[in-house]
């Protein structure tokens, strides 16, 4: 089985969302899709948390981590 990536999980989550929005699924199938979607969302959230941690480490200044929101970086231009 191929290793699950953030991108593949996100694509599948979008597919599930569209299938559920169409409303053409039985209740049982909808619940299975919903459960799969929840698991994919948790996986994606975990990957985003890992990425956020890595970014904060890379932004380490003066021996301590200073978390800076994405839009608040100073431009050196």
C-alpha atoms as a PDB file:
ATOM      1  CA  UNK A   1       0.000   0.000   0.000  1.00  0.00           C
ATOM      2  CA  UNK A   2       1.312   3.478  -0.878  1.00  0.00           C
ATOM      3  CA  UNK A   3       2.200   5.798   1.961  1.00  0.00           C
ATOM      4  CA  UNK A   4      -0.538   8.336   2.660  1.00  0.00           C
ATOM      5  CA  UNK A   5       0.492  11.936   2.077  1.00  0.00           C
ATOM      6  CA  UNK A   6      -1.151  15.176   3.130  1.00  0.00           C
ATOM      7  CA  UNK A   7      -1.968  15.942  -0.487  1.00  0.00           C
ATOM      8  CA  UNK A   8      -3.550  12.553  -1.235  1.00  0.00           C
ATOM      9  CA  UNK A   9      -5.559  12.687   1.995  1.00  0.00           C
ATOM     10  CA  UNK A  10      -6.785  16.188   1.153  1.00  0.00           C
ATOM     11  CA  UNK A  11      -7.835  15.126  -2.352  1.00  0.00           C
ATOM     12  CA  UNK A  12      -9.751  12.153  -0.926  1.00  0.00           C
ATOM     13  CA  UNK A  13     -11.358  14.376   1.712  1.00  0.00           C
ATOM     14  CA  UNK A  14     -12.561  16.726  -1.027  1.00  0.00           C
ATOM     15  CA  UNK A  15     -13.992  13.767  -2.966  1.00  0.00           C
ATOM     16  CA  UNK A  16     -15.853  12.544   0.099  1.00  0.00           C
ATOM     17  CA  UNK A  17     -17.194  16.023   0.752  1.00  0.00           C
ATOM     18  CA  UNK A  18     -18.542  16.251  -2.797  1.00  0.00           C
ATOM     19  CA  UNK A  19     -20.115  12.786  -2.558  1.00  0.00           C
ATOM     20  CA  UNK A  20     -21.846  13.683   0.692  1.00  0.00           C
ATOM     21  CA  UNK A  21     -23.024  17.043  -0.663  1.00  0.00           C
ATOM     22  CA  UNK A  22     -24.623  15.321  -3.669  1.00  0.00           C
ATOM     23  CA  UNK A  23     -26.965  13.523  -1.272  1.00  0.00           C
ATOM     24  CA  UNK A  24     -27.283  10.428  -3.467  1.00  0.00           C
ATOM     25  CA  UNK A  25     -25.815   7.992  -0.935  1.00  0.00           C
ATOM     26  CA  UNK A  26     -27.678   5.720   1.451  1.00  0.00           C
ATOM     27  CA  UNK A  27     -27.526   6.538   5.133  1.00  0.00           C
ATOM     28  CA  UNK A  28     -25.159   3.632   5.811  1.00  0.00           C
ATOM     29  CA  UNK A  29     -22.804   4.644   2.996  1.00  0.00           C
ATOM     30  CA  UNK A  30     -22.950   8.288   4.089  1.00  0.00           C
ATOM     31  CA  UNK A  31     -21.947   7.323   7.628  1.00  0.00           C
ATOM     32  CA  UNK A  32     -19.022   5.262   6.331  1.00  0.00           C
ATOM     33  CA  UNK A  33     -17.869   8.154   4.144  1.00  0.00           C
ATOM     34  CA  UNK A  34     -18.281  10.568   7.038  1.00  0.00           C
ATOM     35  CA  UNK A  35     -16.177   8.312   9.284  1.00  0.00           C
ATOM     36  CA  UNK A  36     -13.475   8.076   6.616  1.00  0.00           C
ATOM     37  CA  UNK A  37     -13.579  11.870   6.246  1.00  0.00           C
ATOM     38  CA  UNK A  38     -13.115  12.388   9.976  1.00  0.00           C
ATOM     39  CA  UNK A  39     -10.063  10.120   9.975  1.00  0.00           C
ATOM     40  CA  UNK A  40      -8.601  11.944   6.965  1.00  0.00           C
ATOM     41  CA  UNK A  41      -9.235  15.334   8.580  1.00  0.00           C
ATOM     42  CA  UNK A  42      -7.448  14.172  11.743  1.00  0.00           C
ATOM     43  CA  UNK A  43      -4.519  12.916   9.636  1.00  0.00           C
ATOM     44  CA  UNK A  44      -4.302  16.248   7.782  1.00  0.00           C
ATOM     45  CA  UNK A  45      -4.520  18.194  11.030  1.00  0.00           C
ATOM     46  CA  UNK A  46      -1.658  16.135  12.452  1.00  0.00           C
ATOM     47  CA  UNK A  47       0.482  16.808   9.374  1.00  0.00           C
ATOM     48  CA  UNK A  48      -0.268  20.540   9.614  1.00  0.00           C
ATOM     49  CA  UNK A  49       0.706  20.526  13.302  1.00  0.00           C
ATOM     50  CA  UNK A  50       3.998  18.815  12.426  1.00  0.00           C
ATOM     51  CA  UNK A  51       4.675  21.396   9.718  1.00  0.00           C
ATOM     52  CA  UNK A  52       3.829  24.273  12.083  1.00  0.00           C
ATOM     53  CA  UNK A  53       6.296  22.911  14.644  1.00  0.00           C
ATOM     54  CA  UNK A  54       9.032  22.626  12.019  1.00  0.00           C
ATOM     55  CA  UNK A  55       8.433  26.199  10.857  1.00  0.00           C
ATOM     56  CA  UNK A  56       8.601  27.485  14.427  1.00  0.00           C
ATOM     57  CA  UNK A  57      11.895  25.655  14.972  1.00  0.00           C
ATOM     58  CA  UNK A  58      13.306  27.123  11.777  1.00  0.00           C
ATOM     59  CA  UNK A  59      12.303  30.586  12.952  1.00  0.00           C
ATOM     60  CA  UNK A  60      14.262  30.169  16.171  1.00  0.00           C
ATOM     61  CA  UNK A  61      15.871  33.440  17.232  1.00  0.00           C
ATOM     62  CA  UNK A  62      18.249  34.183  20.081  1.00  0.00           C
ATOM     63  CA  UNK A  63      18.139  30.593  21.342  1.00  0.00           C
ATOM     64  CA  UNK A  64      14.369  30.546  21.724  1.00  0.00           C
ATOM     65  CA  UNK A  65      11.456  29.950  19.424  1.00  0.00           C
ATOM     66  CA  UNK A  66       9.483  33.010  18.454  1.00  0.00           C
ATOM     67  CA  UNK A  67       6.299  31.954  16.724  1.00  0.00           C
ATOM     68  CA  UNK A  68       5.378  34.577  14.155  1.00  0.00           C
ATOM     69  CA  UNK A  69       2.038  34.396  12.363  1.00  0.00           C
ATOM     70  CA  UNK A  70       2.512  33.873   8.626  1.00  0.00           C
ATOM     71  CA  UNK A  71       1.343  37.371   7.608  1.00  0.00           C
ATOM     72  CA  UNK A  72       3.391  39.187  10.263  1.00  0.00           C
ATOM     73  CA  UNK A  73       6.937  38.594   9.015  1.00  0.00           C
ATOM     74  CA  UNK A  74       9.135  41.624   8.556  1.00  0.00           C
ATOM     75  CA  UNK A  75      10.191  42.267   4.971  1.00  0.00           C
ATOM     76  CA  UNK A  76      13.840  43.067   4.338  1.00  0.00           C
ATOM     77  CA  UNK A  77      13.048  44.705   0.971  1.00  0.00           C
END
